[in-house]
ModelCIF file with pLDDT and N, C-alpha, C, O atoms, coordinates in Angstrom:
data_MODEL
#
_entry.id   MODEL 
#
_entity.id                         1 
_entity.type                       polymer 
_entity.pdbx_number_of_molecules   1 
#
_entity_poly.entity_id                      1 
_entity_poly.type                           'polypeptide(L)' 
_entity_poly.nstd_linkage                   no 
_entity_poly.nstd_monomer                   no 
_entity_poly.pdbx_seq_one_letter_code       AFLVMSAHPTMVSTHLCRPSLGVDFFFVLSGFI 
_entity_poly.pdbx_seq_one_letter_code_can   AFLVMSAHPTMVSTHLCRPSLGVDFFFVLSGFI 
_entity_poly.pdbx_strand_id                 A 
#
loop_
_entity_poly_seq.entity_id 
_entity_poly_seq.num 
_entity_poly_seq.mon_id 
_entity_poly_seq.hetero 
1 1  ALA n 
1 2  PHE n 
1 3  LEU n 
1 4  VAL n 
1 5  MET n 
1 6  SER n 
1 7  ALA n 
1 8  HIS n 
1 9  PRO n 
1 10 THR n 
1 11 MET n 
1 12 VAL n 
1 13 SER n 
1 14 THR n 
1 15 HIS n 
1 16 LEU n 
1 17 CYS n 
1 18 ARG n 
1 19 PRO n 
1 20 SER n 
1 21 LEU n 
1 22 GLY n 
1 23 VAL n 
1 24 ASP n 
1 25 PHE n 
1 26 PHE n 
1 27 PHE n 
1 28 VAL n 
1 29 LEU n 
1 30 SER n 
1 31 GLY n 
1 32 PHE n 
1 33 ILE n 
#
_struct_asym.id          A 
_struct_asym.entity_id   1 
#
loop_
_ma_qa_metric.id 
_ma_qa_metric.mode 
_ma_qa_metric.name 
_ma_qa_metric.software_group_id 
_ma_qa_metric.type 
1 global pLDDT . pLDDT 
2 local  pLDDT . pLDDT 
#
_ma_qa_metric_global.metric_id      1 
_ma_qa_metric_global.metric_value   59.70 
_ma_qa_metric_global.model_id       1 
_ma_qa_metric_global.ordinal_id     1 
#
loop_
_ma_qa_metric_local.label_asym_id 
_ma_qa_metric_local.label_comp_id 
_ma_qa_metric_local.label_seq_id 
_ma_qa_metric_local.metric_id 
_ma_qa_metric_local.metric_value 
_ma_qa_metric_local.model_id 
_ma_qa_metric_local.ordinal_id 
A ALA 1  2 39.00 1 1  
A PHE 2  2 40.00 1 2  
A LEU 3  2 39.00 1 3  
A VAL 4  2 41.00 1 4  
A MET 5  2 41.00 1 5  
A SER 6  2 39.00 1 6  
A ALA 7  2 41.00 1 7  
A HIS 8  2 42.00 1 8  
A PRO 9  2 40.00 1 9  
A THR 10 2 37.00 1 10 
A MET 11 2 39.00 1 11 
A VAL 12 2 37.00 1 12 
A SER 13 2 35.00 1 13 
A THR 14 2 37.00 1 14 
A HIS 15 2 38.00 1 15 
A LEU 16 2 38.00 1 16 
A CYS 17 2 40.00 1 17 
A ARG 18 2 45.00 1 18 
A PRO 19 2 46.00 1 19 
A SER 20 2 66.00 1 20 
A LEU 21 2 77.00 1 21 
A GLY 22 2 81.00 1 22 
A VAL 23 2 87.00 1 23 
A ASP 24 2 89.00 1 24 
A PHE 25 2 89.00 1 25 
A PHE 26 2 89.00 1 26 
A PHE 27 2 93.00 1 27 
A VAL 28 2 93.00 1 28 
A LEU 29 2 90.00 1 29 
A SER 30 2 90.00 1 30 
A GLY 31 2 92.00 1 31 
A PHE 32 2 92.00 1 32 
A ILE 33 2 88.00 1 33 
#
loop_
_atom_site.group_PDB 
_atom_site.id 
_atom_site.type_symbol 
_atom_site.label_atom_id 
_atom_site.label_alt_id 
_atom_site.label_comp_id 
_atom_site.label_asym_id 
_atom_site.label_entity_id 
_atom_site.label_seq_id 
_atom_site.pdbx_PDB_ins_code 
_atom_site.Cartn_x 
_atom_site.Cartn_y 
_atom_site.Cartn_z 
_atom_site.occupancy 
_atom_site.B_iso_or_equiv 
_atom_site.pdbx_formal_charge 
_atom_site.auth_seq_id 
_atom_site.auth_comp_id 
_atom_site.auth_asym_id 
_atom_site.auth_atom_id 
_atom_site.pdbx_PDB_model_num 
ATOM 1   N N  . ALA A 1 1  ? 5.964   -1.096 8.396  1.00 39.00 ? 1  ALA A N  1 
ATOM 2   C CA . ALA A 1 1  ? 6.094   -2.445 7.850  1.00 39.00 ? 1  ALA A CA 1 
ATOM 3   C C  . ALA A 1 1  ? 4.827   -3.240 8.102  1.00 39.00 ? 1  ALA A C  1 
ATOM 4   O O  . ALA A 1 1  ? 4.356   -3.977 7.236  1.00 39.00 ? 1  ALA A O  1 
ATOM 5   N N  . PHE A 1 2  ? 4.276   -3.079 9.313  1.00 40.00 ? 2  PHE A N  1 
ATOM 6   C CA . PHE A 1 2  ? 3.028   -3.762 9.635  1.00 40.00 ? 2  PHE A CA 1 
ATOM 7   C C  . PHE A 1 2  ? 1.886   -3.236 8.777  1.00 40.00 ? 2  PHE A C  1 
ATOM 8   O O  . PHE A 1 2  ? 1.029   -3.998 8.330  1.00 40.00 ? 2  PHE A O  1 
ATOM 9   N N  . LEU A 1 3  ? 1.883   -1.907 8.551  1.00 39.00 ? 3  LEU A N  1 
ATOM 10  C CA . LEU A 1 3  ? 0.822   -1.314 7.750  1.00 39.00 ? 3  LEU A CA 1 
ATOM 11  C C  . LEU A 1 3  ? 0.859   -1.838 6.317  1.00 39.00 ? 3  LEU A C  1 
ATOM 12  O O  . LEU A 1 3  ? -0.185  -2.127 5.733  1.00 39.00 ? 3  LEU A O  1 
ATOM 13  N N  . VAL A 1 4  ? 2.062   -1.960 5.748  1.00 41.00 ? 4  VAL A N  1 
ATOM 14  C CA . VAL A 1 4  ? 2.190   -2.479 4.383  1.00 41.00 ? 4  VAL A CA 1 
ATOM 15  C C  . VAL A 1 4  ? 1.702   -3.920 4.321  1.00 41.00 ? 4  VAL A C  1 
ATOM 16  O O  . VAL A 1 4  ? 0.973   -4.295 3.403  1.00 41.00 ? 4  VAL A O  1 
ATOM 17  N N  . MET A 1 5  ? 2.107   -4.730 5.307  1.00 41.00 ? 5  MET A N  1 
ATOM 18  C CA . MET A 1 5  ? 1.703   -6.132 5.325  1.00 41.00 ? 5  MET A CA 1 
ATOM 19  C C  . MET A 1 5  ? 0.194   -6.265 5.506  1.00 41.00 ? 5  MET A C  1 
ATOM 20  O O  . MET A 1 5  ? -0.447  -7.066 4.825  1.00 41.00 ? 5  MET A O  1 
ATOM 21  N N  . SER A 1 6  ? -0.371  -5.484 6.417  1.00 39.00 ? 6  SER A N  1 
ATOM 22  C CA . SER A 1 6  ? -1.795  -5.609 6.699  1.00 39.00 ? 6  SER A CA 1 
ATOM 23  C C  . SER A 1 6  ? -2.640  -5.056 5.569  1.00 39.00 ? 6  SER A C  1 
ATOM 24  O O  . SER A 1 6  ? -3.807  -5.422 5.429  1.00 39.00 ? 6  SER A O  1 
ATOM 25  N N  . ALA A 1 7  ? -2.062  -4.172 4.759  1.00 41.00 ? 7  ALA A N  1 
ATOM 26  C CA . ALA A 1 7  ? -2.824  -3.589 3.653  1.00 41.00 ? 7  ALA A CA 1 
ATOM 27  C C  . ALA A 1 7  ? -2.995  -4.557 2.502  1.00 41.00 ? 7  ALA A C  1 
ATOM 28  O O  . ALA A 1 7  ? -3.978  -4.473 1.765  1.00 41.00 ? 7  ALA A O  1 
ATOM 29  N N  . HIS A 1 8  ? -2.043  -5.489 2.333  1.00 42.00 ? 8  HIS A N  1 
ATOM 30  C CA . HIS A 1 8  ? -2.086  -6.375 1.183  1.00 42.00 ? 8  HIS A CA 1 
ATOM 31  C C  . HIS A 1 8  ? -3.335  -7.248 1.096  1.00 42.00 ? 8  HIS A C  1 
ATOM 32  O O  . HIS A 1 8  ? -3.874  -7.402 0.000  1.00 42.00 ? 8  HIS A O  1 
ATOM 33  N N  . PRO A 1 9  ? -3.822  -7.826 2.194  1.00 40.00 ? 9  PRO A N  1 
ATOM 34  C CA . PRO A 1 9  ? -5.019  -8.664 2.051  1.00 40.00 ? 9  PRO A CA 1 
ATOM 35  C C  . PRO A 1 9  ? -6.241  -7.922 1.533  1.00 40.00 ? 9  PRO A C  1 
ATOM 36  O O  . PRO A 1 9  ? -7.129  -8.528 0.932  1.00 40.00 ? 9  PRO A O  1 
ATOM 37  N N  . THR A 1 10 ? -6.294  -6.605 1.763  1.00 37.00 ? 10 THR A N  1 
ATOM 38  C CA . THR A 1 10 ? -7.458  -5.845 1.320  1.00 37.00 ? 10 THR A CA 1 
ATOM 39  C C  . THR A 1 10 ? -7.146  -4.958 0.125  1.00 37.00 ? 10 THR A C  1 
ATOM 40  O O  . THR A 1 10 ? -7.925  -4.068 -0.217 1.00 37.00 ? 10 THR A O  1 
ATOM 41  N N  . MET A 1 11 ? -6.012  -5.201 -0.505 1.00 39.00 ? 11 MET A N  1 
ATOM 42  C CA . MET A 1 11 ? -5.565  -4.325 -1.574 1.00 39.00 ? 11 MET A CA 1 
ATOM 43  C C  . MET A 1 11 ? -6.497  -4.331 -2.774 1.00 39.00 ? 11 MET A C  1 
ATOM 44  O O  . MET A 1 11 ? -6.541  -3.356 -3.525 1.00 39.00 ? 11 MET A O  1 
ATOM 45  N N  . VAL A 1 12 ? -7.243  -5.417 -2.968 1.00 37.00 ? 12 VAL A N  1 
ATOM 46  C CA . VAL A 1 12 ? -8.136  -5.472 -4.115 1.00 37.00 ? 12 VAL A CA 1 
ATOM 47  C C  . VAL A 1 12 ? -9.353  -4.583 -3.925 1.00 37.00 ? 12 VAL A C  1 
ATOM 48  O O  . VAL A 1 12 ? -10.061 -4.290 -4.888 1.00 37.00 ? 12 VAL A O  1 
ATOM 49  N N  . SER A 1 13 ? -9.607  -4.146 -2.687 1.00 35.00 ? 13 SER A N  1 
ATOM 50  C CA . SER A 1 13 ? -10.812 -3.350 -2.452 1.00 35.00 ? 13 SER A CA 1 
ATOM 51  C C  . SER A 1 13 ? -10.542 -1.934 -1.971 1.00 35.00 ? 13 SER A C  1 
ATOM 52  O O  . SER A 1 13 ? -11.327 -1.025 -2.242 1.00 35.00 ? 13 SER A O  1 
ATOM 53  N N  . THR A 1 14 ? -9.427  -1.738 -1.253 1.00 37.00 ? 14 THR A N  1 
ATOM 54  C CA . THR A 1 14 ? -9.189  -0.388 -0.740 1.00 37.00 ? 14 THR A CA 1 
ATOM 55  C C  . THR A 1 14 ? -7.713  -0.163 -0.512 1.00 37.00 ? 14 THR A C  1 
ATOM 56  O O  . THR A 1 14 ? -7.010  -1.061 -0.047 1.00 37.00 ? 14 THR A O  1 
ATOM 57  N N  . HIS A 1 15 ? -7.234  1.026  -0.833 1.00 38.00 ? 15 HIS A N  1 
ATOM 58  C CA . HIS A 1 15 ? -5.866  1.449  -0.567 1.00 38.00 ? 15 HIS A CA 1 
ATOM 59  C C  . HIS A 1 15 ? -5.961  2.845  0.015  1.00 38.00 ? 15 HIS A C  1 
ATOM 60  O O  . HIS A 1 15 ? -6.304  3.795  -0.689 1.00 38.00 ? 15 HIS A O  1 
ATOM 61  N N  . LEU A 1 16 ? -5.658  2.973  1.300  1.00 38.00 ? 16 LEU A N  1 
ATOM 62  C CA . LEU A 1 16 ? -5.865  4.230  1.996  1.00 38.00 ? 16 LEU A CA 1 
ATOM 63  C C  . LEU A 1 16 ? -7.316  4.656  1.795  1.00 38.00 ? 16 LEU A C  1 
ATOM 64  O O  . LEU A 1 16 ? -8.218  3.941  2.229  1.00 38.00 ? 16 LEU A O  1 
ATOM 65  N N  . CYS A 1 17 ? -7.570  5.788  1.158  1.00 40.00 ? 17 CYS A N  1 
ATOM 66  C CA . CYS A 1 17 ? -8.947  6.251  0.999  1.00 40.00 ? 17 CYS A CA 1 
ATOM 67  C C  . CYS A 1 17 ? -9.514  5.909  -0.364 1.00 40.00 ? 17 CYS A C  1 
ATOM 68  O O  . CYS A 1 17 ? -10.733 5.873  -0.527 1.00 40.00 ? 17 CYS A O  1 
ATOM 69  N N  . ARG A 1 18 ? -8.652  5.653  -1.360 1.00 45.00 ? 18 ARG A N  1 
ATOM 70  C CA . ARG A 1 18 ? -9.101  5.352  -2.708 1.00 45.00 ? 18 ARG A CA 1 
ATOM 71  C C  . ARG A 1 18 ? -8.332  4.138  -3.226 1.00 45.00 ? 18 ARG A C  1 
ATOM 72  O O  . ARG A 1 18 ? -7.222  3.874  -2.763 1.00 45.00 ? 18 ARG A O  1 
ATOM 73  N N  . PRO A 1 19 ? -8.901  3.398  -4.176 1.00 46.00 ? 19 PRO A N  1 
ATOM 74  C CA . PRO A 1 19 ? -8.229  2.212  -4.697 1.00 46.00 ? 19 PRO A CA 1 
ATOM 75  C C  . PRO A 1 19 ? -6.829  2.520  -5.197 1.00 46.00 ? 19 PRO A C  1 
ATOM 76  O O  . PRO A 1 19 ? -6.608  3.488  -5.924 1.00 46.00 ? 19 PRO A O  1 
ATOM 77  N N  . SER A 1 20 ? -5.894  1.682  -4.794 1.00 66.00 ? 20 SER A N  1 
ATOM 78  C CA . SER A 1 20 ? -4.535  1.642  -5.323 1.00 66.00 ? 20 SER A CA 1 
ATOM 79  C C  . SER A 1 20 ? -3.603  2.726  -4.826 1.00 66.00 ? 20 SER A C  1 
ATOM 80  O O  . SER A 1 20 ? -2.423  2.698  -5.173 1.00 66.00 ? 20 SER A O  1 
ATOM 81  N N  . LEU A 1 21 ? -4.065  3.680  -4.031 1.00 77.00 ? 21 LEU A N  1 
ATOM 82  C CA . LEU A 1 21 ? -3.154  4.717  -3.575 1.00 77.00 ? 21 LEU A CA 1 
ATOM 83  C C  . LEU A 1 21 ? -2.064  4.149  -2.676 1.00 77.00 ? 21 LEU A C  1 
ATOM 84  O O  . LEU A 1 21 ? -0.951  4.673  -2.645 1.00 77.00 ? 21 LEU A O  1 
ATOM 85  N N  . GLY A 1 22 ? -2.373  3.086  -1.947 1.00 81.00 ? 22 GLY A N  1 
ATOM 86  C CA . GLY A 1 22 ? -1.371  2.446  -1.108 1.00 81.00 ? 22 GLY A CA 1 
ATOM 87  C C  . GLY A 1 22 ? -0.229  1.874  -1.908 1.00 81.00 ? 22 GLY A C  1 
ATOM 88  O O  . GLY A 1 22 ? 0.887   1.772  -1.399 1.00 81.00 ? 22 GLY A O  1 
ATOM 89  N N  . VAL A 1 23 ? -0.479  1.491  -3.166 1.00 87.00 ? 23 VAL A N  1 
ATOM 90  C CA . VAL A 1 23 ? 0.571   0.947  -4.015 1.00 87.00 ? 23 VAL A CA 1 
ATOM 91  C C  . VAL A 1 23 ? 1.597   2.025  -4.336 1.00 87.00 ? 23 VAL A C  1 
ATOM 92  O O  . VAL A 1 23 ? 2.797   1.751  -4.363 1.00 87.00 ? 23 VAL A O  1 
ATOM 93  N N  . ASP A 1 24 ? 1.136   3.248  -4.580 1.00 89.00 ? 24 ASP A N  1 
ATOM 94  C CA . ASP A 1 24 ? 2.051   4.356  -4.853 1.00 89.00 ? 24 ASP A CA 1 
ATOM 95  C C  . ASP A 1 24 ? 3.023   4.535  -3.686 1.00 89.00 ? 24 ASP A C  1 
ATOM 96  O O  . ASP A 1 24 ? 4.231   4.669  -3.883 1.00 89.00 ? 24 ASP A O  1 
ATOM 97  N N  . PHE A 1 25 ? 2.477   4.533  -2.475 1.00 89.00 ? 25 PHE A N  1 
ATOM 98  C CA . PHE A 1 25 ? 3.318   4.688  -1.291 1.00 89.00 ? 25 PHE A CA 1 
ATOM 99  C C  . PHE A 1 25 ? 4.305   3.533  -1.161 1.00 89.00 ? 25 PHE A C  1 
ATOM 100 O O  . PHE A 1 25 ? 5.484   3.741  -0.875 1.00 89.00 ? 25 PHE A O  1 
ATOM 101 N N  . PHE A 1 26 ? 3.816   2.326  -1.373 1.00 89.00 ? 26 PHE A N  1 
ATOM 102 C CA . PHE A 1 26 ? 4.660   1.140  -1.260 1.00 89.00 ? 26 PHE A CA 1 
ATOM 103 C C  . PHE A 1 26 ? 5.819   1.208  -2.246 1.00 89.00 ? 26 PHE A C  1 
ATOM 104 O O  . PHE A 1 26 ? 6.948   0.867  -1.894 1.00 89.00 ? 26 PHE A O  1 
ATOM 105 N N  . PHE A 1 27 ? 5.555   1.644  -3.480 1.00 93.00 ? 27 PHE A N  1 
ATOM 106 C CA . PHE A 1 27 ? 6.596   1.687  -4.497 1.00 93.00 ? 27 PHE A CA 1 
ATOM 107 C C  . PHE A 1 27 ? 7.594   2.821  -4.233 1.00 93.00 ? 27 PHE A C  1 
ATOM 108 O O  . PHE A 1 27 ? 8.801   2.627  -4.384 1.00 93.00 ? 27 PHE A O  1 
ATOM 109 N N  . VAL A 1 28 ? 7.103   3.996  -3.841 1.00 93.00 ? 28 VAL A N  1 
ATOM 110 C CA . VAL A 1 28 ? 8.013   5.107  -3.525 1.00 93.00 ? 28 VAL A CA 1 
ATOM 111 C C  . VAL A 1 28 ? 8.920   4.710  -2.361 1.00 93.00 ? 28 VAL A C  1 
ATOM 112 O O  . VAL A 1 28 ? 10.136  4.891  -2.421 1.00 93.00 ? 28 VAL A O  1 
ATOM 113 N N  . LEU A 1 29 ? 8.323   4.176  -1.316 1.00 90.00 ? 29 LEU A N  1 
ATOM 114 C CA . LEU A 1 29 ? 9.089   3.773  -0.142 1.00 90.00 ? 29 LEU A CA 1 
ATOM 115 C C  . LEU A 1 29 ? 10.072  2.662  -0.482 1.00 90.00 ? 29 LEU A C  1 
ATOM 116 O O  . LEU A 1 29 ? 11.202  2.657  0.006  1.00 90.00 ? 29 LEU A O  1 
ATOM 117 N N  . SER A 1 30 ? 9.642   1.720  -1.318 1.00 90.00 ? 30 SER A N  1 
ATOM 118 C CA . SER A 1 30 ? 10.515  0.619  -1.696 1.00 90.00 ? 30 SER A CA 1 
ATOM 119 C C  . SER A 1 30 ? 11.723  1.107  -2.487 1.00 90.00 ? 30 SER A C  1 
ATOM 120 O O  . SER A 1 30 ? 12.845  0.657  -2.253 1.00 90.00 ? 30 SER A O  1 
ATOM 121 N N  . GLY A 1 31 ? 11.492  2.041  -3.438 1.00 92.00 ? 31 GLY A N  1 
ATOM 122 C CA . GLY A 1 31 ? 12.602  2.592  -4.197 1.00 92.00 ? 31 GLY A CA 1 
ATOM 123 C C  . GLY A 1 31 ? 13.594  3.310  -3.310 1.00 92.00 ? 31 GLY A C  1 
ATOM 124 O O  . GLY A 1 31 ? 14.805  3.207  -3.505 1.00 92.00 ? 31 GLY A O  1 
ATOM 125 N N  . PHE A 1 32 ? 13.075  4.043  -2.325 1.00 92.00 ? 32 PHE A N  1 
ATOM 126 C CA . PHE A 1 32 ? 13.950  4.737  -1.382 1.00 92.00 ? 32 PHE A CA 1 
ATOM 127 C C  . PHE A 1 32 ? 14.767  3.749  -0.561 1.00 92.00 ? 32 PHE A C  1 
ATOM 128 O O  . PHE A 1 32 ? 15.980  3.902  -0.410 1.00 92.00 ? 32 PHE A O  1 
ATOM 129 N N  . ILE A 1 33 ? 14.095  2.742  -0.035 1.00 88.00 ? 33 ILE A N  1 
ATOM 130 C CA . ILE A 1 33 ? 14.746  1.803  0.875  1.00 88.00 ? 33 ILE A CA 1 
ATOM 131 C C  . ILE A 1 33 ? 15.809  0.975  0.169  1.00 88.00 ? 33 ILE A C  1 
ATOM 132 O O  . ILE A 1 33 ? 16.454  0.134  0.795  1.00 88.00 ? 33 ILE A O  1 
#
């Protein structure tokens, strides 16, 4: 939860190792939850 929150401020520049990959994780996890 902290990782998702802390990732948002930098989401325009980096997601994990490549742009936007963190969004995929956020959406998969959100659908599951």
